[in-house]
Amino acid sequence: FKLDNHAELLKIIKEKTGELRGALGNK
């Protein structure tokens, strides 16, 4: 929402997938 560079932000999030999955695993 109100962001222009979707592809770049999606790339940043994909790079953090391992960290995010680890945090999800802890929960």
PDB file of all heavy atoms in Angstrom:
ATOM      1  N   PHE A   1       0.842  -1.194   0.000  1.00  0.00           N
ATOM      2  CA  PHE A   1       0.000   0.000   0.000  1.00  0.00           C
ATOM      3  C   PHE A   1       0.875   1.241   0.000  1.00  0.00           C
ATOM      4  O   PHE A   1       1.725   1.399   0.879  1.00  0.00           O
ATOM      5  CB  PHE A   1      -0.923  -0.017   1.233  1.00  0.00           C
ATOM      6  CG  PHE A   1      -1.870   1.138   1.314  1.00  0.00           C
ATOM      7  CD1 PHE A   1      -2.916   1.243   0.417  1.00  0.00           C
ATOM      8  CD2 PHE A   1      -1.695   2.114   2.262  1.00  0.00           C
ATOM      9  CE1 PHE A   1      -3.791   2.316   0.485  1.00  0.00           C
ATOM     10  CE2 PHE A   1      -2.561   3.188   2.341  1.00  0.00           C
ATOM     11  CZ  PHE A   1      -3.617   3.287   1.444  1.00  0.00           C
ATOM     12  N   LYS A   2       0.683   2.078  -0.989  1.00  0.00           N
ATOM     13  CA  LYS A   2       1.444   3.321  -1.168  1.00  0.00           C
ATOM     14  C   LYS A   2       2.937   3.073  -1.300  1.00  0.00           C
ATOM     15  O   LYS A   2       3.759   3.805  -0.759  1.00  0.00           O
ATOM     16  CB  LYS A   2       1.159   4.311  -0.032  1.00  0.00           C
ATOM     17  CG  LYS A   2      -0.241   4.871  -0.061  1.00  0.00           C
ATOM     18  CD  LYS A   2      -0.387   6.021   0.881  1.00  0.00           C
ATOM     19  CE  LYS A   2      -1.778   6.616   0.758  1.00  0.00           C
ATOM     20  NZ  LYS A   2      -1.956   7.793   1.573  1.00  0.00           N
ATOM     21  N   LEU A   3       3.292   2.008  -1.995  1.00  0.00           N
ATOM     22  CA  LEU A   3       4.694   1.698  -2.276  1.00  0.00           C
ATOM     23  C   LEU A   3       4.843   1.473  -3.773  1.00  0.00           C
ATOM     24  O   LEU A   3       4.015   0.802  -4.394  1.00  0.00           O
ATOM     25  CB  LEU A   3       5.130   0.443  -1.520  1.00  0.00           C
ATOM     26  CG  LEU A   3       5.206   0.581  -0.001  1.00  0.00           C
ATOM     27  CD1 LEU A   3       5.328  -0.776   0.644  1.00  0.00           C
ATOM     28  CD2 LEU A   3       6.364   1.467   0.390  1.00  0.00           C
ATOM     29  N   ASP A   4       5.906   2.013  -4.333  1.00  0.00           N
ATOM     30  CA  ASP A   4       6.107   1.916  -5.775  1.00  0.00           C
ATOM     31  C   ASP A   4       6.986   0.742  -6.188  1.00  0.00           C
ATOM     32  O   ASP A   4       6.730   0.099  -7.189  1.00  0.00           O
ATOM     33  CB  ASP A   4       6.721   3.221  -6.312  1.00  0.00           C
ATOM     34  CG  ASP A   4       5.777   4.399  -6.130  1.00  0.00           C
ATOM     35  OD1 ASP A   4       4.552   4.196  -6.188  1.00  0.00           O
ATOM     36  OD2 ASP A   4       6.282   5.520  -5.932  1.00  0.00           O
ATOM     37  N   ASN A   5       8.017   0.466  -5.438  1.00  0.00           N
ATOM     38  CA  ASN A   5       9.003  -0.535  -5.840  1.00  0.00           C
ATOM     39  C   ASN A   5       8.695  -1.911  -5.225  1.00  0.00           C
ATOM     40  O   ASN A   5       9.438  -2.409  -4.394  1.00  0.00           O
ATOM     41  CB  ASN A   5      10.410  -0.058  -5.469  1.00  0.00           C
ATOM     42  CG  ASN A   5      10.497   0.401  -4.020  1.00  0.00           C
ATOM     43  OD1 ASN A   5       9.499   0.467  -3.326  1.00  0.00           O
ATOM     44  ND2 ASN A   5      11.695   0.711  -3.585  1.00  0.00           N
ATOM     45  N   HIS A   6       7.604  -2.508  -5.661  1.00  0.00           N
ATOM     46  CA  HIS A   6       7.169  -3.800  -5.126  1.00  0.00           C
ATOM     47  C   HIS A   6       8.233  -4.877  -5.306  1.00  0.00           C
ATOM     48  O   HIS A   6       8.496  -5.654  -4.392  1.00  0.00           O
ATOM     49  CB  HIS A   6       5.884  -4.265  -5.798  1.00  0.00           C
ATOM     50  CG  HIS A   6       4.743  -3.327  -5.626  1.00  0.00           C
ATOM     51  ND1 HIS A   6       3.561  -3.490  -6.294  1.00  0.00           N
ATOM     52  CD2 HIS A   6       4.586  -2.216  -4.875  1.00  0.00           C
ATOM     53  CE1 HIS A   6       2.732  -2.522  -5.969  1.00  0.00           C
ATOM     54  NE2 HIS A   6       3.333  -1.733  -5.113  1.00  0.00           N
ATOM     55  N   ALA A   7       8.822  -4.930  -6.489  1.00  0.00           N
ATOM     56  CA  ALA A   7       9.791  -5.987  -6.796  1.00  0.00           C
ATOM     57  C   ALA A   7      11.008  -5.908  -5.874  1.00  0.00           C
ATOM     58  O   ALA A   7      11.478  -6.934  -5.378  1.00  0.00           O
ATOM     59  CB  ALA A   7      10.219  -5.899  -8.257  1.00  0.00           C
ATOM     60  N   GLU A   8      11.491  -4.713  -5.626  1.00  0.00           N
ATOM     61  CA  GLU A   8      12.662  -4.546  -4.760  1.00  0.00           C
ATOM     62  C   GLU A   8      12.338  -4.951  -3.317  1.00  0.00           C
ATOM     63  O   GLU A   8      13.117  -5.644  -2.664  1.00  0.00           O
ATOM     64  CB  GLU A   8      13.131  -3.095  -4.800  1.00  0.00           C
ATOM     65  CG  GLU A   8      14.376  -2.836  -3.981  1.00  0.00           C
ATOM     66  CD  GLU A   8      14.792  -1.379  -4.047  1.00  0.00           C
ATOM     67  OE1 GLU A   8      14.685  -0.770  -5.126  1.00  0.00           O
ATOM     68  OE2 GLU A   8      15.219  -0.858  -2.999  1.00  0.00           O
ATOM     69  N   LEU A   9      11.180  -4.533  -2.822  1.00  0.00           N
ATOM     70  CA  LEU A   9      10.789  -4.886  -1.458  1.00  0.00           C
ATOM     71  C   LEU A   9      10.532  -6.381  -1.322  1.00  0.00           C
ATOM     72  O   LEU A   9      10.879  -6.987  -0.308  1.00  0.00           O
ATOM     73  CB  LEU A   9       9.548  -4.092  -1.051  1.00  0.00           C
ATOM     74  CG  LEU A   9       9.772  -2.586  -0.906  1.00  0.00           C
ATOM     75  CD1 LEU A   9       8.449  -1.863  -0.710  1.00  0.00           C
ATOM     76  CD2 LEU A   9      10.724  -2.287   0.230  1.00  0.00           C
ATOM     77  N   LEU A  10       9.932  -6.976  -2.342  1.00  0.00           N
ATOM     78  CA  LEU A  10       9.696  -8.417  -2.325  1.00  0.00           C
ATOM     79  C   LEU A  10      11.027  -9.164  -2.296  1.00  0.00           C
ATOM     80  O   LEU A  10      11.173 -10.161  -1.593  1.00  0.00           O
ATOM     81  CB  LEU A  10       8.864  -8.825  -3.544  1.00  0.00           C
ATOM     82  CG  LEU A  10       8.293 -10.221  -3.558  1.00  0.00           C
ATOM     83  CD1 LEU A  10       7.384 -10.462  -2.364  1.00  0.00           C
ATOM     84  CD2 LEU A  10       7.523 -10.461  -4.842  1.00  0.00           C
ATOM     85  N   LYS A  11      12.016  -8.648  -3.018  1.00  0.00           N
ATOM     86  CA  LYS A  11      13.347  -9.257  -3.024  1.00  0.00           C
ATOM     87  C   LYS A  11      13.978  -9.194  -1.634  1.00  0.00           C
ATOM     88  O   LYS A  11      14.567 -10.163  -1.161  1.00  0.00           O
ATOM     89  CB  LYS A  11      14.236  -8.550  -4.048  1.00  0.00           C
ATOM     90  CG  LYS A  11      15.617  -9.132  -4.165  1.00  0.00           C
ATOM     91  CD  LYS A  11      16.446  -8.367  -5.177  1.00  0.00           C
ATOM     92  CE  LYS A  11      17.867  -8.875  -5.176  1.00  0.00           C
ATOM     93  NZ  LYS A  11      18.754  -8.030  -5.948  1.00  0.00           N
ATOM     94  N   ILE A  12      13.833  -8.059  -0.952  1.00  0.00           N
ATOM     95  CA  ILE A  12      14.366  -7.906   0.405  1.00  0.00           C
ATOM     96  C   ILE A  12      13.718  -8.919   1.346  1.00  0.00           C
ATOM     97  O   ILE A  12      14.397  -9.559   2.155  1.00  0.00           O
ATOM     98  CB  ILE A  12      14.145  -6.460   0.915  1.00  0.00           C
ATOM     99  CG1 ILE A  12      15.026  -5.481   0.131  1.00  0.00           C
ATOM    100  CG2 ILE A  12      14.410  -6.353   2.408  1.00  0.00           C
ATOM    101  CD1 ILE A  12      14.689  -4.023   0.368  1.00  0.00           C
ATOM    102  N   ILE A  13      12.418  -9.065   1.239  1.00  0.00           N
ATOM    103  CA  ILE A  13      11.700 -10.009   2.098  1.00  0.00           C
ATOM    104  C   ILE A  13      12.114 -11.441   1.787  1.00  0.00           C
ATOM    105  O   ILE A  13      12.313 -12.254   2.692  1.00  0.00           O
ATOM    106  CB  ILE A  13      10.180  -9.806   1.968  1.00  0.00           C
ATOM    107  CG1 ILE A  13       9.798  -8.458   2.589  1.00  0.00           C
ATOM    108  CG2 ILE A  13       9.413 -10.942   2.629  1.00  0.00           C
ATOM    109  CD1 ILE A  13       8.397  -8.014   2.337  1.00  0.00           C
ATOM    110  N   LYS A  14      12.279 -11.760   0.498  1.00  0.00           N
ATOM    111  CA  LYS A  14      12.700 -13.110   0.126  1.00  0.00           C
ATOM    112  C   LYS A  14      14.098 -13.423   0.662  1.00  0.00           C
ATOM    113  O   LYS A  14      14.388 -14.562   1.009  1.00  0.00           O
ATOM    114  CB  LYS A  14      12.653 -13.288  -1.393  1.00  0.00           C
ATOM    115  CG  LYS A  14      11.250 -13.449  -1.929  1.00  0.00           C
ATOM    116  CD  LYS A  14      11.236 -13.661  -3.427  1.00  0.00           C
ATOM    117  CE  LYS A  14       9.829 -13.847  -3.945  1.00  0.00           C
ATOM    118  NZ  LYS A  14       9.797 -14.087  -5.383  1.00  0.00           N
ATOM    119  N   GLU A  15      14.962 -12.415   0.734  1.00  0.00           N
ATOM    120  CA  GLU A  15      16.299 -12.616   1.288  1.00  0.00           C
ATOM    121  C   GLU A  15      16.249 -12.945   2.772  1.00  0.00           C
ATOM    122  O   GLU A  15      17.137 -13.604   3.300  1.00  0.00           O
ATOM    123  CB  GLU A  15      17.163 -11.373   1.051  1.00  0.00           C
ATOM    124  CG  GLU A  15      17.561 -11.181  -0.391  1.00  0.00           C
ATOM    125  CD  GLU A  15      18.259  -9.861  -0.649  1.00  0.00           C
ATOM    126  OE1 GLU A  15      18.378  -9.030   0.284  1.00  0.00           O
ATOM    127  OE2 GLU A  15      18.675  -9.649  -1.801  1.00  0.00           O
ATOM    128  N   LYS A  16      15.211 -12.493   3.452  1.00  0.00           N
ATOM    129  CA  LYS A  16      15.060 -12.736   4.888  1.00  0.00           C
ATOM    130  C   LYS A  16      14.202 -13.963   5.181  1.00  0.00           C
ATOM    131  O   LYS A  16      13.815 -14.183   6.327  1.00  0.00           O
ATOM    132  CB  LYS A  16      14.422 -11.515   5.554  1.00  0.00           C
ATOM    133  CG  LYS A  16      15.295 -10.291   5.543  1.00  0.00           C
ATOM    134  CD  LYS A  16      14.632  -9.180   6.306  1.00  0.00           C
ATOM    135  CE  LYS A  16      15.571  -7.993   6.379  1.00  0.00           C
ATOM    136  NZ  LYS A  16      15.490  -7.319   7.644  1.00  0.00           N
ATOM    137  N   THR A  17      13.910 -14.771   4.179  1.00  0.00           N
ATOM    138  CA  THR A  17      13.028 -15.916   4.356  1.00  0.00           C
ATOM    139  C   THR A  17      13.517 -16.854   5.454  1.00  0.00           C
ATOM    140  O   THR A  17      12.721 -17.326   6.269  1.00  0.00           O
ATOM    141  CB  THR A  17      12.858 -16.683   3.024  1.00  0.00           C
ATOM    142  OG1 THR A  17      12.285 -15.805   2.056  1.00  0.00           O
ATOM    143  CG2 THR A  17      11.957 -17.891   3.187  1.00  0.00           C
ATOM    144  N   GLY A  18      14.803 -17.128   5.491  1.00  0.00           N
ATOM    145  CA  GLY A  18      15.350 -18.025   6.510  1.00  0.00           C
ATOM    146  C   GLY A  18      15.123 -17.502   7.918  1.00  0.00           C
ATOM    147  O   GLY A  18      14.707 -18.248   8.809  1.00  0.00           O
ATOM    148  N   GLU A  19      15.395 -16.209   8.113  1.00  0.00           N
ATOM    149  CA  GLU A  19      15.176 -15.597   9.429  1.00  0.00           C
ATOM    150  C   GLU A  19      13.702 -15.630   9.806  1.00  0.00           C
ATOM    151  O   GLU A  19      13.353 -15.925  10.954  1.00  0.00           O
ATOM    152  CB  GLU A  19      15.644 -14.142   9.417  1.00  0.00           C
ATOM    153  CG  GLU A  19      17.118 -13.940   9.200  1.00  0.00           C
ATOM    154  CD  GLU A  19      17.444 -12.469   9.004  1.00  0.00           C
ATOM    155  OE1 GLU A  19      16.820 -11.619   9.686  1.00  0.00           O
ATOM    156  OE2 GLU A  19      18.308 -12.172   8.164  1.00  0.00           O
ATOM    157  N   LEU A  20      12.842 -15.304   8.838  1.00  0.00           N
ATOM    158  CA  LEU A  20      11.408 -15.271   9.104  1.00  0.00           C
ATOM    159  C   LEU A  20      10.871 -16.661   9.429  1.00  0.00           C
ATOM    160  O   LEU A  20      10.055 -16.827  10.334  1.00  0.00           O
ATOM    161  CB  LEU A  20      10.661 -14.675   7.901  1.00  0.00           C
ATOM    162  CG  LEU A  20      10.974 -13.206   7.597  1.00  0.00           C
ATOM    163  CD1 LEU A  20      10.354 -12.790   6.271  1.00  0.00           C
ATOM    164  CD2 LEU A  20      10.499 -12.308   8.723  1.00  0.00           C
ATOM    165  N   ARG A  21      11.366 -17.664   8.714  1.00  0.00           N
ATOM    166  CA  ARG A  21      10.938 -19.041   8.973  1.00  0.00           C
ATOM    167  C   ARG A  21      11.412 -19.493  10.358  1.00  0.00           C
ATOM    168  O   ARG A  21      10.690 -20.182  11.082  1.00  0.00           O
ATOM    169  CB  ARG A  21      11.466 -19.981   7.893  1.00  0.00           C
ATOM    170  CG  ARG A  21      10.950 -21.396   8.053  1.00  0.00           C
ATOM    171  CD  ARG A  21      11.299 -22.249   6.834  1.00  0.00           C
ATOM    172  NE  ARG A  21      10.782 -23.577   7.017  1.00  0.00           N
ATOM    173  CZ  ARG A  21      11.524 -24.664   7.214  1.00  0.00           C
ATOM    174  NH1 ARG A  21      12.842 -24.565   7.227  1.00  0.00           N
ATOM    175  NH2 ARG A  21      10.970 -25.840   7.381  1.00  0.00           N
ATOM    176  N   GLY A  22      12.617 -19.088  10.736  1.00  0.00           N
ATOM    177  CA  GLY A  22      13.129 -19.411  12.063  1.00  0.00           C
ATOM    178  C   GLY A  22      12.281 -18.791  13.166  1.00  0.00           C
ATOM    179  O   GLY A  22      11.960 -19.445  14.171  1.00  0.00           O
ATOM    180  N   ALA A  23      11.903 -17.529  12.975  1.00  0.00           N
ATOM    181  CA  ALA A  23      11.052 -16.851  13.955  1.00  0.00           C
ATOM    182  C   ALA A  23       9.682 -17.516  14.031  1.00  0.00           C
ATOM    183  O   ALA A  23       9.121 -17.692  15.118  1.00  0.00           O
ATOM    184  CB  ALA A  23      10.911 -15.373  13.591  1.00  0.00           C
ATOM    185  N   LEU A  24       9.164 -17.917  12.866  1.00  0.00           N
ATOM    186  CA  LEU A  24       7.879 -18.617  12.830  1.00  0.00           C
ATOM    187  C   LEU A  24       7.988 -19.966  13.538  1.00  0.00           C
ATOM    188  O   LEU A  24       7.095 -20.369  14.283  1.00  0.00           O
ATOM    189  CB  LEU A  24       7.418 -18.811  11.383  1.00  0.00           C
ATOM    190  CG  LEU A  24       6.061 -19.467  11.179  1.00  0.00           C
ATOM    191  CD1 LEU A  24       4.953 -18.582  11.714  1.00  0.00           C
ATOM    192  CD2 LEU A  24       5.830 -19.759   9.702  1.00  0.00           C
ATOM    193  N   GLY A  25       9.108 -20.650  13.334  1.00  0.00           N
ATOM    194  CA  GLY A  25       9.337 -21.934  13.984  1.00  0.00           C
ATOM    195  C   GLY A  25       9.359 -21.812  15.498  1.00  0.00           C
ATOM    196  O   GLY A  25       8.836 -22.675  16.209  1.00  0.00           O
ATOM    197  N   ASN A  26       9.953 -20.731  16.009  1.00  0.00           N
ATOM    198  CA  ASN A  26       9.978 -20.507  17.452  1.00  0.00           C
ATOM    199  C   ASN A  26       8.572 -20.323  18.015  1.00  0.00           C
ATOM    200  O   ASN A  26       8.299 -20.741  19.142  1.00  0.00           O
ATOM    201  CB  ASN A  26      10.840 -19.294  17.806  1.00  0.00           C
ATOM    202  CG  ASN A  26      12.307 -19.565  17.614  1.00  0.00           C
ATOM    203  OD1 ASN A  26      12.756 -20.703  17.671  1.00  0.00           O
ATOM    204  ND2 ASN A  26      13.071 -18.512  17.366  1.00  0.00           N
ATOM    205  N   LYS A  27       7.701 -19.699  17.239  1.00  0.00           N
ATOM    206  CA  LYS A  27       6.327 -19.460  17.693  1.00  0.00           C
ATOM    207  C   LYS A  27       5.452 -20.706  17.587  1.00  0.00           C
ATOM    208  O   LYS A  27       4.575 -20.923  18.418  1.00  0.00           O
ATOM    209  CB  LYS A  27       5.689 -18.329  16.877  1.00  0.00           C
ATOM    210  CG  LYS A  27       6.268 -16.982  17.144  1.00  0.00           C
ATOM    211  CD  LYS A  27       5.799 -16.485  18.474  1.00  0.00           C
ATOM    212  CE  LYS A  27       6.171 -15.044  18.663  1.00  0.00           C
ATOM    213  NZ  LYS A  27       5.698 -14.535  19.926  1.00  0.00           N
TER     214      LYS A  27
END
